[in-house]
PDB file of N, CA and C in Angstrom:
ATOM      1  N   MET A   1     139.096 106.570 115.445  1.00  0.00           N
ATOM      2  CA  MET A   1     137.932 105.406 114.702  1.00  0.00           C
ATOM      3  C   MET A   1     137.576 106.366 113.253  1.00  0.00           C
ATOM      4  N   ASN A   2     137.816 105.399 111.657  1.00  0.00           N
ATOM      5  CA  ASN A   2     138.080 106.211 110.469  1.00  0.00           C
ATOM      6  C   ASN A   2     136.407 106.513 109.972  1.00  0.00           C
ATOM      7  N   ILE A   3     137.032 107.328 109.709  1.00  0.00           N
ATOM      8  CA  ILE A   3     136.312 108.500 109.054  1.00  0.00           C
ATOM      9  C   ILE A   3     134.240 107.393 108.677  1.00  0.00           C
ATOM     10  N   ASN A   4     135.338 106.089 107.956  1.00  0.00           N
ATOM     11  CA  ASN A   4     134.529 105.797 107.290  1.00  0.00           C
ATOM     12  C   ASN A   4     133.206 105.053 108.105  1.00  0.00           C
ATOM     13  N   ILE A   5     134.283 104.761 109.573  1.00  0.00           N
ATOM     14  CA  ILE A   5     132.990 104.097 110.207  1.00  0.00           C
ATOM     15  C   ILE A   5     132.441 105.503 111.077  1.00  0.00           C
ATOM     16  N   GLN A   6     132.931 106.225 111.377  1.00  0.00           N
ATOM     17  CA  GLN A   6     131.996 107.222 111.576  1.00  0.00           C
ATOM     18  C   GLN A   6     131.229 108.019 110.723  1.00  0.00           C
ATOM     19  N   LEU A   7     131.059 107.615 109.166  1.00  0.00           N
ATOM     20  CA  LEU A   7     130.113 108.813 108.716  1.00  0.00           C
ATOM     21  C   LEU A   7     129.062 107.219 108.835  1.00  0.00           C
ATOM     22  N   GLY A   8     129.520 105.786 108.594  1.00  0.00           N
ATOM     23  CA  GLY A   8     128.090 104.951 108.611  1.00  0.00           C
ATOM     24  C   GLY A   8     127.582 104.781 109.647  1.00  0.00           C
ATOM     25  N   MET A   9     128.128 105.043 111.328  1.00  0.00           N
ATOM     26  CA  MET A   9     127.243 105.223 112.065  1.00  0.00           C
ATOM     27  C   MET A   9     126.230 106.509 112.078  1.00  0.00           C
ATOM     28  N   ARG A  10     126.651 107.528 111.261  1.00  0.00           N
ATOM     29  CA  ARG A  10     125.922 108.539 111.107  1.00  0.00           C
ATOM     30  C   ARG A  10     124.709 108.278 110.735  1.00  0.00           C
ATOM     31  N   ILE A  11     124.843 107.898 109.225  1.00  0.00           N
ATOM     32  CA  ILE A  11     123.797 107.169 108.571  1.00  0.00           C
ATOM     33  C   ILE A  11     122.842 106.236 108.962  1.00  0.00           C
ATOM     34  N   ARG A  12     123.361 104.989 110.005  1.00  0.00           N
ATOM     35  CA  ARG A  12     122.094 104.554 110.359  1.00  0.00           C
ATOM     36  C   ARG A  12     121.422 104.819 111.313  1.00  0.00           C
ATOM     37  N   TYR A  13     122.154 106.176 112.179  1.00  0.00           N
ATOM     38  CA  TYR A  13     121.502 106.879 113.664  1.00  0.00           C
ATOM     39  C   TYR A  13     120.225 107.573 112.304  1.00  0.00           C
ATOM     40  N   LEU A  14     120.825 108.477 111.562  1.00  0.00           N
ATOM     41  CA  LEU A  14     119.596 109.549 111.051  1.00  0.00           C
ATOM     42  C   LEU A  14     118.574 108.512 110.226  1.00  0.00           C
ATOM     43  N   ARG A  15     119.203 107.339 109.838  1.00  0.00           N
ATOM     44  CA  ARG A  15     118.160 106.769 109.243  1.00  0.00           C
ATOM     45  C   ARG A  15     117.002 106.474 110.218  1.00  0.00           C
ATOM     46  N   LYS A  16     117.425 105.979 111.102  1.00  0.00           N
ATOM     47  CA  LYS A  16     116.325 105.343 112.273  1.00  0.00           C
ATOM     48  C   LYS A  16     115.594 106.593 112.308  1.00  0.00           C
ATOM     49  N   GLN A  17     116.279 107.460 112.973  1.00  0.00           N
ATOM     50  CA  GLN A  17     115.847 108.881 113.584  1.00  0.00           C
ATOM     51  C   GLN A  17     114.617 109.241 112.840  1.00  0.00           C
ATOM     52  N   LYS A  18     114.889 108.960 111.531  1.00  0.00           N
ATOM     53  CA  LYS A  18     113.460 109.503 110.105  1.00  0.00           C
ATOM     54  C   LYS A  18     112.530 108.121 110.251  1.00  0.00           C
ATOM     55  N   GLY A  19     112.647 106.647 110.747  1.00  0.00           N
ATOM     56  CA  GLY A  19     112.139 105.642 110.930  1.00  0.00           C
ATOM     57  C   GLY A  19     112.216 104.901 109.359  1.00  0.00           C
ATOM     58  N   MET A  20     113.197 105.275 108.841  1.00  0.00           N
ATOM     59  CA  MET A  20     113.106 103.894 107.351  1.00  0.00           C
ATOM     60  C   MET A  20     114.095 103.183 108.157  1.00  0.00           C
ATOM     61  N   SER A  21     113.744 102.008 107.160  1.00  0.00           N
ATOM     62  CA  SER A  21     114.519 100.625 106.814  1.00  0.00           C
ATOM     63  C   SER A  21     116.320 100.976 106.244  1.00  0.00           C
ATOM     64  N   GLN A  22     116.674 100.317 106.186  1.00  0.00           N
ATOM     65  CA  GLN A  22     118.232 100.348 104.806  1.00  0.00           C
ATOM     66  C   GLN A  22     117.008 100.068 103.192  1.00  0.00           C
ATOM     67  N   GLU A  23     116.316  99.065 103.614  1.00  0.00           N
ATOM     68  CA  GLU A  23     115.424  99.236 101.927  1.00  0.00           C
ATOM     69  C   GLU A  23     115.124 100.336 101.451  1.00  0.00           C
ATOM     70  N   ASP A  24     114.614 101.498 102.472  1.00  0.00           N
ATOM     71  CA  ASP A  24     113.424 102.496 102.423  1.00  0.00           C
ATOM     72  C   ASP A  24     114.603 103.708 101.867  1.00  0.00           C
ATOM     73  N   LEU A  25     115.906 103.765 102.824  1.00  0.00           N
ATOM     74  CA  LEU A  25     116.971 104.592 102.207  1.00  0.00           C
ATOM     75  C   LEU A  25     116.970 104.818 101.180  1.00  0.00           C
ATOM     76  N   ALA A  26     117.766 103.179 101.034  1.00  0.00           N
ATOM     77  CA  ALA A  26     118.666 102.489  99.527  1.00  0.00           C
ATOM     78  C   ALA A  26     117.383 102.993  98.746  1.00  0.00           C
ATOM     79  N   LEU A  27     116.578 102.716  98.698  1.00  0.00           N
ATOM     80  CA  LEU A  27     115.195 103.140  97.764  1.00  0.00           C
ATOM     81  C   LEU A  27     115.393 104.902  97.122  1.00  0.00           C
ATOM     82  N   GLU A  28     115.039 105.166  98.068  1.00  0.00           N
ATOM     83  CA  GLU A  28     114.764 106.975  98.226  1.00  0.00           C
ATOM     84  C   GLU A  28     116.392 107.361  97.191  1.00  0.00           C
ATOM     85  N   ALA A  29     117.323 107.047  97.527  1.00  0.00           N
ATOM     86  CA  ALA A  29     118.763 107.642  97.593  1.00  0.00           C
ATOM     87  C   ALA A  29     118.617 107.117  96.535  1.00  0.00           C
ATOM     88  N   GLY A  30     118.621 105.950  95.505  1.00  0.00           N
ATOM     89  CA  GLY A  30     119.263 104.816  94.706  1.00  0.00           C
ATOM     90  C   GLY A  30     120.220 104.938  94.271  1.00  0.00           C
ATOM     91  N   VAL A  31     120.467 104.117  95.441  1.00  0.00           N
ATOM     92  CA  VAL A  31     121.468 102.884  95.742  1.00  0.00           C
ATOM     93  C   VAL A  31     121.106 101.958  95.763  1.00  0.00           C
ATOM     94  N   ASN A  32     122.159 101.037  95.667  1.00  0.00           N
ATOM     95  CA  ASN A  32     121.608  99.424  95.938  1.00  0.00           C
ATOM     96  C   ASN A  32     121.867  99.081  97.347  1.00  0.00           C
ATOM     97  N   LYS A  33     120.754  98.140  98.391  1.00  0.00           N
ATOM     98  CA  LYS A  33     120.640  98.276  99.447  1.00  0.00           C
ATOM     99  C   LYS A  33     122.070  97.666 100.280  1.00  0.00           C
ATOM    100  N   ASN A  34     122.486  96.678  99.782  1.00  0.00           N
ATOM    101  CA  ASN A  34     124.245  96.343 100.234  1.00  0.00           C
ATOM    102  C   ASN A  34     124.908  97.460  99.962  1.00  0.00           C
ATOM    103  N   TYR A  35     124.693  98.228  98.994  1.00  0.00           N
ATOM    104  CA  TYR A  35     126.224  99.126  99.078  1.00  0.00           C
ATOM    105  C   TYR A  35     125.692  99.733 100.656  1.00  0.00           C
ATOM    106  N   LEU A  36     124.696  99.837 100.261  1.00  0.00           N
ATOM    107  CA  LEU A  36     124.370 101.153 101.746  1.00  0.00           C
ATOM    108  C   LEU A  36     124.378 100.344 103.114  1.00  0.00           C
ATOM    109  N   SER A  37     124.334  98.811 102.976  1.00  0.00           N
ATOM    110  CA  SER A  37     124.319  98.000 104.755  1.00  0.00           C
ATOM    111  C   SER A  37     126.138  98.427 104.883  1.00  0.00           C
ATOM    112  N   ASP A  38     126.777  98.212 103.712  1.00  0.00           N
ATOM    113  CA  ASP A  38     128.023  98.588 103.300  1.00  0.00           C
ATOM    114  C   ASP A  38     128.870  99.800 103.916  1.00  0.00           C
ATOM    115  N   LEU A  39     127.888 101.091 104.110  1.00  0.00           N
ATOM    116  CA  LEU A  39     128.752 101.692 104.309  1.00  0.00           C
ATOM    117  C   LEU A  39     128.344 102.254 105.229  1.00  0.00           C
ATOM    118  N   GLU A  40     126.721 102.001 105.685  1.00  0.00           N
ATOM    119  CA  GLU A  40     126.819 101.630 107.492  1.00  0.00           C
ATOM    120  C   GLU A  40     127.286 100.870 108.674  1.00  0.00           C
ATOM    121  N   ARG A  41     128.584 100.435 107.951  1.00  0.00           N
ATOM    122  CA  ARG A  41     128.772  99.526 108.459  1.00  0.00           C
ATOM    123  C   ARG A  41     131.145  99.740 108.556  1.00  0.00           C
ATOM    124  N   GLY A  42     131.044 100.712 107.686  1.00  0.00           N
ATOM    125  CA  GLY A  42     132.065 101.207 107.547  1.00  0.00           C
ATOM    126  C   GLY A  42     132.823 100.604 106.706  1.00  0.00           C
ATOM    127  N   GLU A  43     132.399  99.979 105.858  1.00  0.00           N
ATOM    128  CA  GLU A  43     133.725  99.044 104.678  1.00  0.00           C
ATOM    129  C   GLU A  43     133.258  99.670 103.380  1.00  0.00           C
ATOM    130  N   ARG A  44     132.188 100.375 103.118  1.00  0.00           N
ATOM    131  CA  ARG A  44     132.900 100.633 102.067  1.00  0.00           C
ATOM    132  C   ARG A  44     133.729 102.257 102.233  1.00  0.00           C
ATOM    133  N   ASN A  45     134.366 102.737 100.833  1.00  0.00           N
ATOM    134  CA  ASN A  45     134.364 104.495 100.864  1.00  0.00           C
ATOM    135  C   ASN A  45     133.394 105.356 100.147  1.00  0.00           C
ATOM    136  N   ALA A  46     132.737 105.971 100.124  1.00  0.00           N
ATOM    137  CA  ALA A  46     131.856 106.591  99.425  1.00  0.00           C
ATOM    138  C   ALA A  46     132.394 107.102  98.823  1.00  0.00           C
ATOM    139  N   THR A  47     131.724 107.525  97.661  1.00  0.00           N
ATOM    140  CA  THR A  47     131.841 109.502  96.996  1.00  0.00           C
ATOM    141  C   THR A  47     130.942 110.213  97.393  1.00  0.00           C
ATOM    142  N   ILE A  48     131.147 110.952  96.913  1.00  0.00           N
ATOM    143  CA  ILE A  48     131.077 112.641  97.542  1.00  0.00           C
ATOM    144  C   ILE A  48     129.274 112.408  97.119  1.00  0.00           C
ATOM    145  N   VAL A  49     129.348 111.898  95.445  1.00  0.00           N
ATOM    146  CA  VAL A  49     127.984 111.843  95.347  1.00  0.00           C
ATOM    147  C   VAL A  49     126.558 111.438  96.073  1.00  0.00           C
ATOM    148  N   ILE A  50     127.265 110.158  96.235  1.00  0.00           N
ATOM    149  CA  ILE A  50     126.654 109.226  96.495  1.00  0.00           C
ATOM    150  C   ILE A  50     125.849 109.642  97.987  1.00  0.00           C
ATOM    151  N   VAL A  51     127.142 110.019  99.590  1.00  0.00           N
ATOM    152  CA  VAL A  51     126.811 110.647  99.837  1.00  0.00           C
ATOM    153  C   VAL A  51     125.673 112.011  99.719  1.00  0.00           C
ATOM    154  N   GLU A  52     125.786 112.946  99.412  1.00  0.00           N
ATOM    155  CA  GLU A  52     124.751 114.095  98.402  1.00  0.00           C
ATOM    156  C   GLU A  52     123.808 112.632  98.492  1.00  0.00           C
ATOM    157  N   LYS A  53     123.044 112.303  97.968  1.00  0.00           N
ATOM    158  CA  LYS A  53     122.494 111.507  97.272  1.00  0.00           C
ATOM    159  C   LYS A  53     121.106 110.732  98.904  1.00  0.00           C
ATOM    160  N   ILE A  54     122.549 110.208 100.056  1.00  0.00           N
ATOM    161  CA  ILE A  54     122.013 109.772 101.198  1.00  0.00           C
ATOM    162  C   ILE A  54     121.205 111.377 102.146  1.00  0.00           C
ATOM    163  N   ALA A  55     121.960 112.038 101.960  1.00  0.00           N
ATOM    164  CA  ALA A  55     121.974 113.047 102.480  1.00  0.00           C
ATOM    165  C   ALA A  55     120.172 113.599 101.979  1.00  0.00           C
ATOM    166  N   THR A  56     120.553 114.150 100.859  1.00  0.00           N
ATOM    167  CA  THR A  56     119.223 114.289 100.109  1.00  0.00           C
ATOM    168  C   THR A  56     117.972 113.033 100.359  1.00  0.00           C
ATOM    169  N   ALA A  57     117.946 112.120 100.302  1.00  0.00           N
ATOM    170  CA  ALA A  57     117.213 111.539 101.192  1.00  0.00           C
ATOM    171  C   ALA A  57     116.306 111.221 102.281  1.00  0.00           C
ATOM    172  N   LEU A  58     117.687 111.483 102.987  1.00  0.00           N
ATOM    173  CA  LEU A  58     117.291 111.437 104.555  1.00  0.00           C
ATOM    174  C   LEU A  58     116.519 113.074 105.238  1.00  0.00           C
ATOM    175  N   GLY A  59     116.171 113.619 103.703  1.00  0.00           N
ATOM    176  CA  GLY A  59     115.840 115.421 103.826  1.00  0.00           C
ATOM    177  C   GLY A  59     116.825 116.584 104.776  1.00  0.00           C
ATOM    178  N   ILE A  60     118.060 115.948 104.507  1.00  0.00           N
ATOM    179  CA  ILE A  60     119.297 116.759 105.746  1.00  0.00           C
ATOM    180  C   ILE A  60     119.788 117.525 104.422  1.00  0.00           C
ATOM    181  N   THR A  61     120.999 118.257 104.853  1.00  0.00           N
ATOM    182  CA  THR A  61     122.025 118.487 104.193  1.00  0.00           C
ATOM    183  C   THR A  61     122.835 118.405 104.108  1.00  0.00           C
ATOM    184  N   LEU A  62     124.375 118.532 103.934  1.00  0.00           N
ATOM    185  CA  LEU A  62     125.677 117.771 103.636  1.00  0.00           C
ATOM    186  C   LEU A  62     126.073 118.022 105.696  1.00  0.00           C
ATOM    187  N   SER A  63     125.661 119.032 105.871  1.00  0.00           N
ATOM    188  CA  SER A  63     126.722 119.915 106.608  1.00  0.00           C
ATOM    189  C   SER A  63     125.866 119.081 107.802  1.00  0.00           C
ATOM    190  N   THR A  64     124.605 118.896 108.182  1.00  0.00           N
ATOM    191  CA  THR A  64     123.922 117.912 108.677  1.00  0.00           C
ATOM    192  C   THR A  64     124.697 116.481 109.218  1.00  0.00           C
ATOM    193  N   LEU A  65     124.701 115.728 107.709  1.00  0.00           N
ATOM    194  CA  LEU A  65     124.939 114.553 107.759  1.00  0.00           C
ATOM    195  C   LEU A  65     126.389 114.602 108.534  1.00  0.00           C
ATOM    196  N   PHE A  66     127.264 115.618 108.199  1.00  0.00           N
ATOM    197  CA  PHE A  66     128.842 115.023 108.741  1.00  0.00           C
ATOM    198  C   PHE A  66     128.894 115.963 110.229  1.00  0.00           C
ATOM    199  N   LYS A  67     127.895 116.667 110.796  1.00  0.00           N
ATOM    200  CA  LYS A  67     127.985 116.918 111.887  1.00  0.00           C
ATOM    201  C   LYS A  67     128.169 115.751 112.891  1.00  0.00           C
ATOM    202  N   GLY A  68     129.683 116.561 113.830  1.00  0.00           N
ATOM    203  CA  GLY A  68     129.959 115.666 114.826  1.00  0.00           C
ATOM    204  C   GLY A  68     131.207 114.204 114.154  1.00  0.00           C
ATOM    205  N   ILE A  69     131.733 114.025 113.052  1.00  0.00           N
ATOM    206  CA  ILE A  69     132.404 113.731 112.141  1.00  0.00           C
ATOM    207  C   ILE A  69     133.861 114.188 112.167  1.00  0.00           C
ATOM    208  N   GLN A  70     134.459 113.568 112.730  1.00  0.00           N
ATOM    209  CA  GLN A  70     135.717 114.045 112.953  1.00  0.00           C
ATOM    210  C   GLN A  70     137.047 112.866 112.115  1.00  0.00           C
ATOM    211  N   SER A  71     137.889 114.086 111.695  1.00  0.00           N
ATOM    212  CA  SER A  71     139.132 113.387 110.459  1.00  0.00           C
ATOM    213  C   SER A  71     140.607 113.003 111.601  1.00  0.00           C
ATOM    214  N   PHE A  72     140.976 112.287 110.973  1.00  0.00           N
ATOM    215  CA  PHE A  72     141.617 111.629 112.062  1.00  0.00           C
ATOM    216  C   PHE A  72     142.779 112.562 113.129  1.00  0.00           C
ATOM    217  N   GLU A  73     143.023 113.808 111.904  1.00  0.00           N
ATOM    218  CA  GLU A  73     143.849 114.841 112.467  1.00  0.00           C
ATOM    219  C   GLU A  73     143.591 115.765 114.138  1.00  0.00           C
ATOM    220  N   ASP A  74     141.796 115.796 113.574  1.00  0.00           N
ATOM    221  CA  ASP A  74     141.070 116.608 114.470  1.00  0.00           C
ATOM    222  C   ASP A  74     141.206 116.033 116.005  1.00  0.00           C
ATOM    223  N   TRP A  75     142.099 114.524 116.165  1.00  0.00           N
ATOM    224  CA  TRP A  75     142.340 113.784 117.068  1.00  0.00           C
ATOM    225  C   TRP A  75     143.250 113.457 117.653  1.00  0.00           C
ATOM    226  N   TYR A  76     143.835 113.298 116.946  1.00  0.00           N
ATOM    227  CA  TYR A  76     145.599 112.946 116.946  1.00  0.00           C
ATOM    228  C   TYR A  76     146.434 114.198 117.721  1.00  0.00           C
ATOM    229  N   ILE A  77     146.769 113.175 118.844  1.00  0.00           N
ATOM    230  CA  ILE A  77     147.763 114.338 119.483  1.00  0.00           C
ATOM    231  C   ILE A  77     148.992 113.254 119.486  1.00  0.00           C
ATOM    232  N   LEU A  78     150.100 114.234 119.359  1.00  0.00           N
ATOM    233  CA  LEU A  78     151.212 114.132 118.997  1.00  0.00           C
ATOM    234  C   LEU A  78     151.900 113.409 120.174  1.00  0.00           C
TER     235      LEU A  78
END
């Protein structure tokens, strides 16, 4: 599973854990709701600035946001 999909799933999971709608999170993070929706579906490649805004809006650290996300190299076996 690529990193964009993993990140999107993680954002969606954490947003729901906080009881936030996409609109709530988008407003709090200062991003467009459609952009956030695309991120959650893994259809966008987020910048670190946007990722930091989302983490802050969720009230978590970047390390918490990325917890459990693995890069291709971490799971690829030759």
